[in-house]
Amino acid sequence: MSDAGDDERHRGREAASPYPVSRLAPAFHMEDLAARVESSSALVSAVTTRRLELIAEQMRALRAQAEAVLSDAERDLRLTQARCPFRRRPGQTYHLYRDAQGELFFSMLSPDDWGTRAPAAFEGSYRLEADSSWTPAEEIDARDARRLELLPLLPR
């Protein structure tokens, strides 16, 4: 007679059984289980690899954005330190020149306004933004277009 502790038969519902309990159930072979485990392992590995690749792509994009922010900050600092004999107003475009001593200064006059009498080498035109950042003249239209795209998203 067998001891109750030695009896390893499943006593729950058939659907919860860890092994086939019916004679009509398909044959259960260890090779099949090993193949399923290997297939699952390959799938998990492929999914994990793709997720890690996606994270790596996002990290590269974030790095590029961080480098652009730092570059813009350096430019903005350089422009903020440029000599300016008038009060700067956000929304206005100013023209940057470099004098004979290499010092940067702003003028309200563009190279076209100066004509052939420009007092120094022209370095570029920039618009002062409300947040004290500077936008190069060639990027003003694109920046304004991006802002217009964001307007519907802003709370009212």
Foldseek 3Di string as FASTA:
>chain_A
DDDPVPDPDDDDDQVPDPDHDDPPDDDDDPVVVVVVVVVVVVVVVVVVVVVVVVVVVVVVVVVVVVVVVVVQVVVLVLVVPAAEPDDADAPQKWWWFAAPVRGIHTDSDDCVNCPPNDRGHTDFMWGQHPVSGTDTPVCVVVVVVVVVVCVVVDDD
